[in-house]
Protein backbone atom coordinates (compact mmCIF):
# COMPACT_ATOMS: atom_id res chain seq x y z
CA MET A 1 0.10 0.18 -0.05
CA GLY A 2 1.22 3.36 -0.92
CA LYS A 3 1.56 6.65 0.85
CA HIS A 4 -1.75 8.60 1.46
CA ILE A 5 -1.97 12.44 1.35
CA PHE A 6 -5.39 14.05 2.39
CA VAL A 7 -6.01 17.58 1.25
CA LEU A 8 -8.68 19.24 3.44
CA GLY A 9 -9.92 22.85 3.45
CA GLY A 10 -11.02 25.53 6.12
CA VAL A 11 -12.41 29.09 6.59
CA LEU A 12 -14.10 29.24 3.50
CA SER A 13 -15.15 27.63 0.30
CA SER A 14 -13.67 27.97 -3.30
CA LEU A 15 -10.32 28.09 -1.75
CA GLY A 16 -8.69 26.31 -4.53
CA LYS A 17 -8.22 22.63 -3.06
CA GLY A 18 -8.44 21.34 -6.45
CA ILE A 19 -5.31 23.24 -7.71
CA ALA A 20 -3.52 22.67 -4.45
CA SER A 21 -4.04 19.06 -4.89
CA ALA A 22 -3.22 19.02 -8.42
CA SER A 23 -0.02 21.06 -7.51
CA VAL A 24 1.15 18.65 -4.97
CA GLY A 25 0.45 15.65 -7.42
CA PHE A 26 2.60 17.64 -10.15
CA LEU A 27 5.62 17.94 -7.72
CA LEU A 28 5.50 14.35 -6.73
CA ASN A 29 4.94 13.07 -10.35
CA ARG A 30 7.84 15.33 -11.71
CA MET A 31 9.99 13.51 -9.11
CA GLY A 32 9.51 10.23 -10.68
CA TYR A 33 6.92 8.88 -8.11
CA SER A 34 3.77 7.05 -9.38
CA ILE A 35 0.59 8.67 -8.19
CA ALA A 36 -3.20 8.34 -8.10
CA MET A 37 -5.65 11.05 -7.41
CA GLN A 38 -9.23 11.12 -5.92
CA LYS A 39 -11.94 13.57 -5.19
CA LEU A 40 -14.75 12.84 -2.55
CA ASP A 41 -17.55 15.35 -2.23
CA PRO A 42 -19.97 15.53 0.81
CA TYR A 43 -23.25 16.51 -1.35
CA LEU A 44 -25.85 14.11 -1.81
CA ASN A 45 -26.17 14.05 -5.58
CA VAL A 46 -25.76 10.60 -6.86
CA CYS A 47 -25.35 11.57 -10.70
CA ILE A 48 -22.81 14.05 -11.03
CA GLY A 49 -23.27 14.26 -14.77
CA ALA A 50 -26.92 15.80 -14.23
CA MET A 51 -25.64 18.57 -11.91
CA SER A 52 -26.19 22.19 -13.21
CA PRO A 53 -23.14 23.90 -14.63
CA PHE A 54 -24.52 27.14 -13.29
CA GLN A 55 -24.15 25.90 -9.91
CA HIS A 56 -21.21 23.29 -10.18
CA GLY A 57 -19.15 24.23 -13.36
CA GLU A 58 -18.41 21.86 -16.06
CA VAL A 59 -18.90 17.99 -15.81
CA PHE A 60 -15.58 16.18 -16.39
CA VAL A 61 -15.36 13.05 -18.55
CA THR A 62 -12.87 10.35 -18.12
CA GLU A 63 -11.54 7.81 -20.31
CA ASP A 64 -13.50 4.97 -18.88
CA GLY A 65 -16.77 6.96 -19.08
CA GLY A 66 -16.90 8.48 -15.68
CA GLU A 67 -18.69 11.79 -15.22
CA GLY A 68 -16.80 13.62 -12.42
CA ASP A 69 -16.16 16.98 -10.79
CA LEU A 70 -14.10 19.48 -12.59
CA ASP A 71 -11.18 18.99 -10.29
CA LEU A 72 -10.38 15.77 -12.10
CA GLY A 73 -9.54 18.10 -14.93
CA HIS A 74 -7.08 20.10 -12.83
CA TYR A 75 -5.55 16.61 -11.82
CA GLU A 76 -5.07 15.44 -15.33
CA ARG A 77 -3.85 18.84 -16.69
CA PHE A 78 -1.28 19.11 -14.08
CA THR A 79 -0.02 15.69 -13.86
CA SER A 80 -0.85 14.13 -17.11
CA ILE A 81 -2.39 11.01 -15.47
CA SER A 82 -5.46 9.63 -16.37
CA THR A 83 -8.35 9.61 -13.72
CA SER A 84 -11.35 7.07 -13.72
CA LYS A 85 -14.75 6.69 -12.60
CA ALA A 86 -13.44 5.31 -9.43
CA ASP A 87 -11.58 8.41 -8.65
CA ASN A 88 -14.58 10.64 -7.93
CA ALA A 89 -17.65 9.86 -5.64
CA THR A 90 -20.22 11.96 -3.54
CA SER A 91 -22.12 11.16 -0.07
CA GLY A 92 -24.91 10.14 -2.30
CA VAL A 93 -23.01 7.64 -4.19
CA ILE A 94 -21.40 6.06 -0.83
CA TYR A 95 -24.78 6.07 0.92
CA GLU A 96 -26.42 4.52 -2.25
CA LYS A 97 -23.82 1.61 -1.88
CA VAL A 98 -24.47 0.89 1.85
CA ILE A 99 -28.14 0.95 1.29
CA GLN A 100 -27.86 -1.50 -1.48
CA LYS A 101 -25.75 -3.77 0.58
CA GLU A 102 -28.29 -3.59 3.15
CA LYS A 103 -30.98 -4.58 0.94
CA ASN A 104 -28.79 -7.68 -0.30
CA GLY A 105 -28.69 -8.84 3.24
CA GLU A 106 -24.67 -8.24 3.48
CA TYR A 107 -25.17 -6.84 7.16
CA LEU A 108 -27.10 -9.94 8.21
CA GLY A 109 -30.00 -7.86 9.62
CA GLY A 110 -27.73 -5.69 11.93
CA THR A 111 -28.33 -2.03 12.25
CA VAL A 112 -26.86 0.09 9.66
CA GLN A 113 -24.96 3.11 10.84
CA VAL A 114 -22.72 5.96 9.71
CA ILE A 115 -19.92 4.48 11.94
CA PRO A 116 -18.84 1.94 11.10
CA HIS A 117 -20.87 1.14 7.49
CA ILE A 118 -20.62 4.61 5.93
CA THR A 119 -16.94 5.11 7.10
CA ASP A 120 -16.09 1.78 6.08
CA GLU A 121 -17.22 2.33 2.58
CA ILE A 122 -15.18 5.66 2.44
CA LYS A 123 -12.11 3.94 3.64
CA ALA A 124 -12.56 1.02 1.12
CA MET A 125 -12.51 4.09 -1.82
CA PHE A 126 -9.22 5.17 -0.03
CA SER A 127 -7.41 1.76 -0.17
CA ASN A 128 -8.73 0.82 -3.66
CA THR A 129 -7.30 3.92 -5.32
CA SER A 130 -3.96 3.50 -3.56
CA LYS A 131 -3.22 0.11 -4.98
CA GLY A 132 0.19 -0.02 -6.88
CA LYS A 133 0.97 3.74 -6.44
CA ASP A 134 3.86 5.43 -4.43
CA PHE A 135 1.49 8.17 -3.51
CA THR A 136 -2.46 8.70 -3.47
CA ILE A 137 -3.64 12.25 -3.16
CA THR A 138 -7.32 12.41 -1.78
CA GLU A 139 -9.11 15.85 -1.86
CA ILE A 140 -12.12 16.12 0.44
CA GLY A 141 -14.79 18.63 -0.92
CA GLY A 142 -16.30 21.17 1.56
CA THR A 143 -15.08 23.19 4.19
CA ILE A 144 -14.13 22.02 7.95
CA GLY A 145 -17.20 22.41 10.09
CA ASP A 146 -19.88 21.60 7.50
CA ILE A 147 -21.99 18.96 8.92
CA GLU A 148 -22.08 16.95 5.65
CA SER A 149 -18.47 16.42 5.64
CA LEU A 150 -18.22 14.87 9.00
CA PRO A 151 -18.30 11.00 7.89
CA PHE A 152 -15.31 11.79 5.69
CA ILE A 153 -13.33 13.40 8.51
CA GLU A 154 -14.05 10.34 10.78
CA ALA A 155 -13.13 7.88 7.94
CA ILE A 156 -9.87 9.88 7.61
CA ARG A 157 -9.31 9.67 11.37
CA GLN A 158 -9.81 5.89 11.44
CA TYR A 159 -7.80 5.26 8.29
CA ARG A 160 -4.72 7.14 9.95
CA LEU A 161 -5.15 4.92 13.10
CA GLU A 162 -5.13 1.90 11.00
CA MET A 163 -2.43 2.62 8.49
CA GLY A 164 -0.19 4.63 10.90
CA PHE A 165 0.75 8.35 11.00
CA GLN A 166 4.02 7.95 8.91
CA GLU A 167 2.04 6.38 6.14
CA THR A 168 -0.59 9.20 5.88
CA MET A 169 -0.30 12.95 5.84
CA ILE A 170 -3.09 15.84 6.23
CA ILE A 171 -2.43 18.84 4.21
CA PHE A 172 -4.70 21.78 5.40
CA LEU A 173 -5.39 24.52 3.07
CA THR A 174 -6.60 27.80 4.92
CA TYR A 175 -7.11 31.40 4.01
CA ILE A 176 -5.12 34.25 5.68
CA PRO A 177 -7.26 37.47 4.95
CA TYR A 178 -5.60 40.83 4.53
CA ILE A 179 -7.27 43.85 6.10
CA LYS A 180 -6.18 46.65 3.93
CA VAL A 181 -7.28 49.52 6.12
CA ALA A 182 -5.12 47.98 9.06
CA GLU A 183 -2.34 46.69 6.70
CA GLU A 184 -2.30 43.42 8.53
CA VAL A 185 -2.98 39.68 7.92
CA LYS A 186 -5.19 37.94 10.11
CA THR A 187 -4.72 34.38 11.45
CA LYS A 188 -7.80 34.03 13.89
CA PRO A 189 -9.92 32.44 11.05
CA THR A 190 -7.08 29.75 10.70
CA GLN A 191 -6.89 29.26 14.23
CA HIS A 192 -10.39 28.43 14.62
CA ALA A 193 -10.51 26.25 11.61
CA VAL A 194 -7.62 23.96 12.64
CA ASN A 195 -8.88 23.82 16.23
CA LYS A 196 -12.17 22.48 14.74
CA LEU A 197 -10.16 19.89 12.59
CA ARG A 198 -8.50 18.80 15.81
CA GLU A 199 -11.68 18.61 17.79
CA LEU A 200 -12.69 16.12 15.17
CA GLY A 201 -9.58 13.92 15.72
CA ILE A 202 -7.37 15.23 12.94
CA GLN A 203 -3.89 16.92 13.50
CA PRO A 204 -2.57 18.48 10.11
CA ASP A 205 0.87 18.02 9.18
CA LEU A 206 1.21 20.80 6.84
CA ILE A 207 -0.78 24.00 6.63
CA LEU A 208 -0.92 25.94 3.43
CA CYS A 209 -2.03 29.46 3.72
CA ARG A 210 -3.63 30.93 0.90
CA THR A 211 -2.91 34.60 0.79
CA GLU A 212 -2.81 37.77 -1.30
CA VAL A 213 0.20 39.29 0.26
CA SER A 214 3.43 37.74 1.45
CA PHE A 215 3.71 37.54 5.43
CA ASP A 216 6.92 36.97 7.42
CA GLU A 217 8.25 34.50 9.91
CA HIS A 218 6.28 36.04 12.92
CA ILE A 219 2.99 35.10 11.22
CA LYS A 220 4.22 31.86 10.55
CA ARG A 221 5.25 31.09 14.34
CA LYS A 222 1.91 32.66 15.35
CA ILE A 223 -0.26 30.24 13.30
CA ALA A 224 2.03 27.38 14.57
CA LEU A 225 1.74 28.30 18.23
CA PHE A 226 -2.12 28.10 17.94
CA THR A 227 -2.55 25.05 15.69
CA ASN A 228 0.17 22.72 17.25
CA VAL A 229 2.13 22.75 13.92
CA SER A 230 5.66 23.27 13.79
CA HIS A 231 6.40 26.65 12.06
CA THR A 232 8.51 25.13 9.38
CA HIS A 233 5.33 23.12 8.50
CA VAL A 234 3.39 26.42 7.83
CA LYS A 235 3.73 27.46 4.11
CA GLN A 236 2.57 30.33 2.06
CA ALA A 237 0.24 29.61 -0.83
CA ILE A 238 0.26 33.21 -2.22
CA ASP A 239 -1.89 34.11 -5.17
CA ALA A 240 -0.75 33.85 -8.65
CA LYS A 241 -1.42 35.27 -12.04
CA SER A 242 -1.88 31.94 -13.43
CA VAL A 243 -2.71 28.60 -11.68
CA TYR A 244 0.11 27.04 -13.61
CA GLU A 245 2.60 29.01 -11.45
CA ILE A 246 1.35 27.51 -8.24
CA PRO A 247 3.47 24.17 -8.48
CA LYS A 248 6.61 26.48 -8.66
CA ASN A 249 5.53 28.55 -5.71
CA TYR A 250 5.12 25.22 -3.67
CA LEU A 251 8.48 24.16 -4.96
CA LYS A 252 10.02 27.41 -3.65
CA GLU A 253 8.35 26.94 -0.29
CA GLY A 254 9.78 23.41 0.08
CA VAL A 255 6.46 21.63 0.13
CA HIS A 256 7.86 18.49 -1.78
CA GLU A 257 10.71 18.30 0.69
CA LEU A 258 8.28 18.35 3.70
CA ILE A 259 6.25 15.53 2.14
CA CYS A 260 9.23 13.44 1.23
CA ASP A 261 10.58 14.11 4.94
CA HIS A 262 7.24 12.93 6.51
CA PHE A 263 7.18 9.63 4.54
CA SER A 264 11.02 9.05 4.66
CA MET A 265 11.06 9.11 0.89
CA GLU A 266 13.91 10.27 -1.39
CA ILE A 267 13.72 13.93 -2.16
CA ARG A 268 14.37 13.83 -5.90
CA GLN A 269 14.92 16.52 -8.76
CA VAL A 270 11.64 18.16 -9.89
CA ASP A 271 11.86 18.05 -13.65
CA LEU A 272 10.42 21.40 -14.85
CA SER A 273 12.12 21.49 -18.35
CA ILE A 274 8.85 21.38 -20.46
CA TRP A 275 6.81 23.24 -17.88
CA ASP A 276 9.08 26.16 -17.69
CA LYS A 277 9.05 26.65 -21.48
CA PHE A 278 5.19 26.69 -21.13
CA LEU A 279 5.40 29.22 -18.22
CA ILE A 280 7.79 31.59 -20.23
CA ASN A 281 5.37 31.56 -23.22
CA LEU A 282 2.50 32.03 -21.27
CA GLN A 283 3.76 34.88 -19.52
CA ASN A 284 5.73 36.68 -22.10
CA SER A 285 3.56 36.26 -25.12
CA LYS A 286 2.68 39.81 -26.28
CA ASN A 287 0.61 39.06 -29.45
CA GLU A 288 -3.08 38.71 -28.83
CA VAL A 289 -5.84 36.86 -30.59
CA ASN A 290 -9.55 37.21 -29.63
CA VAL A 291 -11.75 34.11 -29.38
CA ALA A 292 -15.32 34.14 -28.53
CA ILE A 293 -16.84 31.31 -26.60
CA CYS A 294 -20.64 31.38 -27.41
CA GLY A 295 -22.83 29.28 -25.21
CA LYS A 296 -25.53 29.38 -22.46
CA PHE A 297 -23.28 28.72 -19.29
CA ILE A 298 -21.10 31.65 -19.74
CA HIS A 299 -22.20 33.28 -16.23
CA HIS A 300 -20.31 30.44 -14.45
CA LYS A 301 -16.63 30.81 -14.79
CA ASP A 302 -15.86 27.13 -14.57
CA ALA A 303 -18.75 25.82 -16.92
CA TYR A 304 -16.23 25.73 -20.03
CA ILE A 305 -12.87 25.79 -17.78
CA SER A 306 -11.36 22.77 -19.92
CA ILE A 307 -12.19 24.68 -23.04
CA ALA A 308 -10.69 28.00 -21.87
CA GLU A 309 -7.77 26.23 -20.57
CA SER A 310 -7.19 24.16 -23.94
CA LEU A 311 -7.12 27.53 -25.70
CA LYS A 312 -4.52 29.01 -23.28
CA HIS A 313 -2.22 25.87 -23.94
CA ALA A 314 -2.45 26.12 -27.73
CA ALA A 315 -1.99 29.87 -27.75
CA ALA A 316 0.93 29.76 -25.45
CA TRP A 317 2.86 27.27 -27.55
CA SER A 318 2.19 29.54 -30.61
CA ASN A 319 3.57 32.47 -28.66
CA LEU A 320 0.29 34.08 -28.43
CA LYS A 321 -2.06 35.28 -25.77
CA VAL A 322 -5.62 34.36 -26.22
CA VAL A 323 -8.35 36.87 -25.08
CA ILE A 324 -11.54 35.11 -24.41
CA HIS A 325 -14.80 36.87 -25.02
CA ASN A 326 -17.82 34.94 -23.52
CA ILE A 327 -20.96 35.30 -25.55
CA ASP A 328 -24.41 34.78 -24.28
CA SER A 329 -26.05 32.43 -26.81
CA GLU A 330 -29.53 32.80 -24.96
CA LYS A 331 -29.83 36.55 -26.33
CA ASN A 332 -31.73 37.31 -29.55
CA TYR A 333 -29.09 38.81 -31.63
CA SER A 334 -30.04 40.51 -34.97
CA PRO A 335 -27.73 40.35 -37.94
CA GLU A 336 -26.63 43.92 -36.90
CA ASP A 337 -25.98 42.85 -33.35
CA LEU A 338 -23.77 39.88 -34.53
CA LYS A 339 -21.74 42.24 -36.77
CA ASN A 340 -20.90 44.51 -34.00
CA LEU A 341 -20.44 41.72 -31.42
CA PHE A 342 -17.84 40.07 -33.59
CA LEU A 343 -16.15 43.02 -35.11
CA ASN A 344 -12.85 42.43 -33.41
CA ILE A 345 -13.21 38.82 -32.83
CA ASN A 346 -10.78 36.42 -34.79
CA GLY A 347 -12.20 33.14 -34.05
CA ILE A 348 -15.33 31.62 -32.60
CA LEU A 349 -15.98 28.55 -30.56
CA LEU A 350 -19.19 26.67 -29.98
CA PRO A 351 -19.06 24.43 -26.99
CA SER A 352 -20.89 21.39 -25.87
CA GLY A 353 -23.98 21.40 -23.90
CA SER A 354 -27.59 20.10 -23.80
CA GLY A 355 -31.36 21.30 -23.86
CA GLU A 356 -33.09 23.87 -25.72
CA ARG A 357 -31.85 27.18 -24.08
CA GLY A 358 -29.23 29.02 -26.06
CA LEU A 359 -29.50 26.79 -29.13
CA ASP A 360 -31.10 29.16 -31.71
CA GLY A 361 -28.57 31.69 -30.43
CA MET A 362 -25.78 29.37 -31.36
CA ILE A 363 -27.42 28.55 -34.81
CA ARG A 364 -27.34 32.20 -35.82
CA ILE A 365 -23.74 32.55 -34.49
CA ALA A 366 -22.76 29.33 -36.66
CA LYS A 367 -24.20 31.12 -39.66
CA TYR A 368 -22.44 34.27 -39.03
CA ALA A 369 -19.09 32.55 -38.81
CA ARG A 370 -19.80 30.48 -41.95
CA THR A 371 -20.89 33.39 -44.11
CA ASN A 372 -18.18 35.74 -42.92
CA ASN A 373 -15.15 33.40 -43.04
CA ILE A 374 -14.48 33.38 -39.45
CA PRO A 375 -12.69 30.42 -38.03
CA LEU A 376 -15.00 28.23 -36.18
CA LEU A 377 -14.47 25.29 -33.93
CA SER A 378 -17.69 23.57 -32.72
CA ILE A 379 -17.59 20.75 -30.03
CA GLY A 380 -20.43 18.34 -28.99
CA LEU A 381 -23.58 20.01 -29.32
CA GLY A 382 -21.78 22.87 -31.13
CA MET A 383 -21.03 20.43 -33.90
CA GLN A 384 -24.88 19.40 -34.05
CA VAL A 385 -25.79 23.04 -34.28
CA VAL A 386 -23.55 23.76 -37.37
CA VAL A 387 -25.09 20.65 -38.99
CA ILE A 388 -28.57 21.89 -38.28
CA GLU A 389 -27.74 25.57 -39.49
CA PHE A 390 -26.10 24.10 -42.71
CA ALA A 391 -28.91 21.88 -43.38
CA HIS A 392 -31.39 24.57 -42.98
CA ASN A 393 -29.61 27.46 -44.69
CA VAL A 394 -27.64 25.67 -47.50
CA CYS A 395 -29.50 22.46 -48.03
CA LYS A 396 -32.87 24.30 -47.74
CA ILE A 397 -34.30 21.41 -45.37
CA GLU A 398 -37.37 22.96 -43.85
CA ASP A 399 -37.65 22.32 -39.97
CA ALA A 400 -34.03 20.86 -39.72
CA TYR A 401 -33.63 20.44 -35.97
CA SER A 402 -32.86 17.95 -33.44
CA THR A 403 -35.36 15.58 -31.61
CA GLU A 404 -33.44 16.32 -28.22
CA ILE A 405 -35.15 19.56 -28.53
CA ASP A 406 -38.23 18.94 -30.62
CA ARG A 407 -39.28 15.29 -30.63
CA ASN A 408 -41.76 16.17 -33.43
CA CYS A 409 -39.66 18.08 -35.85
CA LEU A 410 -40.25 17.26 -39.29
CA ASN A 411 -36.70 16.71 -40.29
CA PRO A 412 -34.72 15.45 -37.75
CA VAL A 413 -31.06 16.15 -38.68
CA ILE A 414 -29.94 15.40 -35.22
CA ASP A 415 -31.55 12.25 -33.78
CA PHE A 416 -31.49 9.75 -30.93
CA LEU A 417 -28.26 7.99 -31.10
CA LEU A 418 -28.22 4.20 -32.05
CA ASP A 419 -25.22 2.72 -33.35
CA SER A 420 -24.33 -1.03 -34.36
CA ASN A 421 -24.03 -1.89 -30.60
CA LYS A 422 -27.54 -0.56 -29.73
CA GLU A 423 -25.87 1.95 -27.51
CA HIS A 424 -27.87 4.96 -26.64
CA LYS A 425 -25.28 7.12 -24.93
CA ARG A 426 -21.67 7.51 -25.93
CA LEU A 427 -19.55 8.10 -22.59
CA GLY A 428 -15.90 8.03 -22.38
CA ALA A 429 -13.17 7.15 -24.93
CA TYR A 430 -14.32 6.06 -28.33
CA ASP A 431 -12.17 5.56 -31.64
CA CYS A 432 -12.67 7.89 -34.76
CA LEU A 433 -11.73 7.01 -38.13
CA ILE A 434 -10.51 9.97 -40.55
CA LYS A 435 -10.92 10.49 -44.13
CA GLU A 436 -7.82 11.13 -45.89
CA LYS A 437 -7.03 14.65 -47.54
CA THR A 438 -9.33 16.36 -45.08
CA LEU A 439 -8.60 19.05 -42.75
CA ALA A 440 -9.15 16.73 -39.93
CA ALA A 441 -6.49 14.38 -41.37
CA LYS A 442 -4.00 17.40 -41.72
CA ILE A 443 -4.49 18.27 -38.03
CA TYR A 444 -4.29 14.90 -36.49
CA GLU A 445 -1.75 13.25 -39.08
CA GLU A 446 -3.51 9.96 -38.12
CA LYS A 447 -6.06 7.76 -39.68
CA LYS A 448 -7.57 6.49 -36.59
CA ILE A 449 -7.74 8.72 -33.06
CA SER A 450 -9.35 8.14 -29.68
CA GLU A 451 -11.29 10.82 -27.95
CA ARG A 452 -13.68 11.16 -25.16
CA HIS A 453 -17.55 11.59 -25.79
CA ARG A 454 -20.66 12.60 -23.84
CA HIS A 455 -23.63 12.63 -25.84
CA THR A 456 -26.99 10.80 -26.77
CA HIS A 457 -27.80 12.40 -30.13
CA GLY A 458 -25.99 12.50 -33.33
CA VAL A 459 -26.27 13.33 -37.26
CA LYS A 460 -29.21 11.11 -38.62
CA HIS A 461 -27.81 8.82 -41.34
CA ASN A 462 -30.74 9.82 -43.63
CA TYR A 463 -29.20 13.36 -44.05
CA TRP A 464 -25.35 12.24 -44.68
CA ASP A 465 -25.51 12.35 -48.47
CA THR A 466 -27.74 15.74 -48.63
CA ILE A 467 -25.31 17.91 -46.53
CA GLU A 468 -22.10 16.31 -48.38
CA LYS A 469 -23.74 17.04 -51.78
CA HIS A 470 -24.23 20.82 -50.52
CA GLY A 471 -20.37 21.12 -49.50
CA MET A 472 -20.17 19.91 -45.96
CA MET A 473 -17.84 16.91 -45.62
CA ILE A 474 -18.01 14.32 -43.08
CA SER A 475 -14.39 13.79 -42.45
CA GLY A 476 -14.61 11.43 -39.36
CA THR A 477 -17.15 8.62 -38.42
CA SER A 478 -17.10 5.92 -35.67
CA GLU A 479 -14.99 2.91 -36.15
CA ASP A 480 -18.07 0.91 -37.48
CA GLY A 481 -18.99 3.98 -39.78
CA SER A 482 -22.63 4.52 -38.15
CA ILE A 483 -21.90 7.88 -36.35
CA VAL A 484 -20.51 11.31 -37.55
CA GLU A 485 -17.57 12.18 -35.68
CA ILE A 486 -16.30 15.13 -37.62
CA VAL A 487 -17.78 17.64 -40.10
CA GLU A 488 -15.81 20.41 -42.12
CA ILE A 489 -16.59 22.72 -44.84
CA PRO A 490 -13.59 22.66 -47.38
CA SER A 491 -14.28 26.06 -48.91
CA HIS A 492 -14.11 27.81 -45.82
CA PRO A 493 -10.77 28.94 -44.20
CA PHE A 494 -11.46 27.04 -41.02
CA TYR A 495 -14.84 25.54 -40.14
CA ILE A 496 -14.76 22.28 -38.35
CA GLY A 497 -17.04 20.48 -35.88
CA VAL A 498 -16.42 17.45 -33.80
CA GLN A 499 -18.73 15.16 -31.74
CA PHE A 500 -16.29 14.36 -29.18
CA LEU A 501 -14.63 16.57 -26.27
CA PRO A 502 -11.21 17.28 -27.22
CA GLU A 503 -10.66 19.65 -24.34
CA TYR A 504 -10.47 16.97 -21.97
CA LYS A 505 -7.26 15.63 -23.26
CA SER A 506 -5.46 19.09 -23.77
CA ARG A 507 -2.30 19.47 -21.41
CA PRO A 508 -0.03 22.58 -20.75
CA ASP A 509 3.06 20.91 -21.90
CA ASN A 510 0.99 19.07 -24.73
CA PRO A 511 -1.58 21.17 -26.18
CA HIS A 512 -4.34 19.28 -28.15
CA ARG A 513 -3.85 19.37 -31.77
CA LEU A 514 -7.21 20.55 -32.67
CA PHE A 515 -6.93 23.57 -30.53
CA ARG A 516 -3.51 24.43 -31.87
CA ALA A 517 -4.60 24.27 -35.30
CA PHE A 518 -7.72 26.66 -34.32
CA ILE A 519 -5.61 28.97 -32.88
CA CYS A 520 -3.20 29.20 -35.82
CA ALA A 521 -6.22 29.51 -38.00
CA VAL A 522 -7.51 32.30 -35.49
CA ASN A 523 -4.16 34.24 -35.82
CA LYS A 524 -4.13 33.88 -39.51
CA LYS A 525 -7.40 35.47 -39.53
CA LYS A 526 -6.37 38.36 -37.30
CA GLU A 527 -3.43 38.94 -39.61
CA THR A 528 -5.78 39.34 -42.53
CA GLN A 529 -8.21 41.56 -40.59
CA SER A 530 -5.23 43.81 -39.67
CA LYS A 531 -4.19 44.15 -43.52
CA ASP A 532 -7.64 45.05 -44.43
CA ILE A 533 -7.88 47.81 -41.68
CA GLU A 534 -4.45 49.19 -42.98
CA GLN A 535 -5.66 49.05 -46.63
CA SER A 536 -8.94 50.92 -45.70
CA GLU A 537 -6.99 53.50 -43.72
CA VAL A 538 -4.70 54.24 -46.93
CA LYS A 539 -7.80 54.44 -49.14
């Protein structure tokens, strides 16, 4: 059994435990240790995939078809490991397992209780993830003091007792507020948060202090005195301009050394060679490109987080800075509105989603991009949108729509999915075959690729010939040829739609090829727009 690190948070929510966990994982991974990462959340929802992006942000999809918390995306982007459906669970999932065991008679008619039955189930998840790894990092959602997180804290207490304190470690992420008027940082919230944790039987081994301003040794010693932690184990987690700088901040604070010392593990060199190149490009790129993400969840900054990060990855490696403009597709834009909206936009991205809201707005935006030669990348539902728009406005198919939105539409260009295996939903990694001499082939440079999916509807086979005859090419299909995976318009500078979700496989040190191609097209469009402006000024 490997070493186990638990990441907990106090004082307030949204502190960034996911980034903290990912950064710790980054350091261990870059030292050459094998790691596993896990996120456990206290809320009672059973189906994470059904949670609202307006409240929860995006749903992350794993290779094996798990629908999980967006923090899994941080884990994968920072460490390049692949998470699985077993690496994320909620209280709802855990309670459901226990209730099902009781129904199956596994408790032999005994009284089912939080202790030991719920806590045993949680500990089993700790152990299952740890198999065969040097380190396992488990992030517990929520904030210390929340009533719903108590079973997880109790499970950790028991687990430490059983495994041994030298085989487990508690990292506590807290918040040190800065009072501008007094020009002081305040440690009292952290004192209370750690005391609450200790009341529950958990003593932290390392305190990471999220702070806006740097503080001195005196503050560290004050925190140490009131939390029973050595001042050398109180570390600053100062705010950074980019989340990708945080692992290096932890490195400077010696977090990796403390972890290795705690577990009596060798302190190895942290390989930052490629990461440093990415950071240099990210921080120093001066030329900007403007990309519009057009969807209905733009009011939650994390709803399209993997897409936004993928654009940043691709732009940095092209020595560019991407400026993202969030466009609300639920608004009823007129042609003049769209012209003004996209006046300085160099590229448009239509993201995935579901449901009727914002769909008609996305259709209008797709038409604008198509008819005005603006580079467009459409993903998931976005791809279905460009097919609907093309079928209606180019193929002149009346009532071209999706049965997901209108079951009774006369021409269901997008219909309920049913492939050769009689599947109704594609979730996780599936293969895609790419047609030769297409934009997709040029981008991927492979005939067969694997990408992650999350959809129940696709382009209906009855309409394939019609849309191809009118100029939209089907350049990628499922391996059995029954499902459209990629569409493109060869006569357009860059107009491509993919049914899969490429953003989940982009990494800072290895940007996804599709996003890199899109950013290149966006930059080319900007150069063309700049020349047009110069020529008009001369005239």
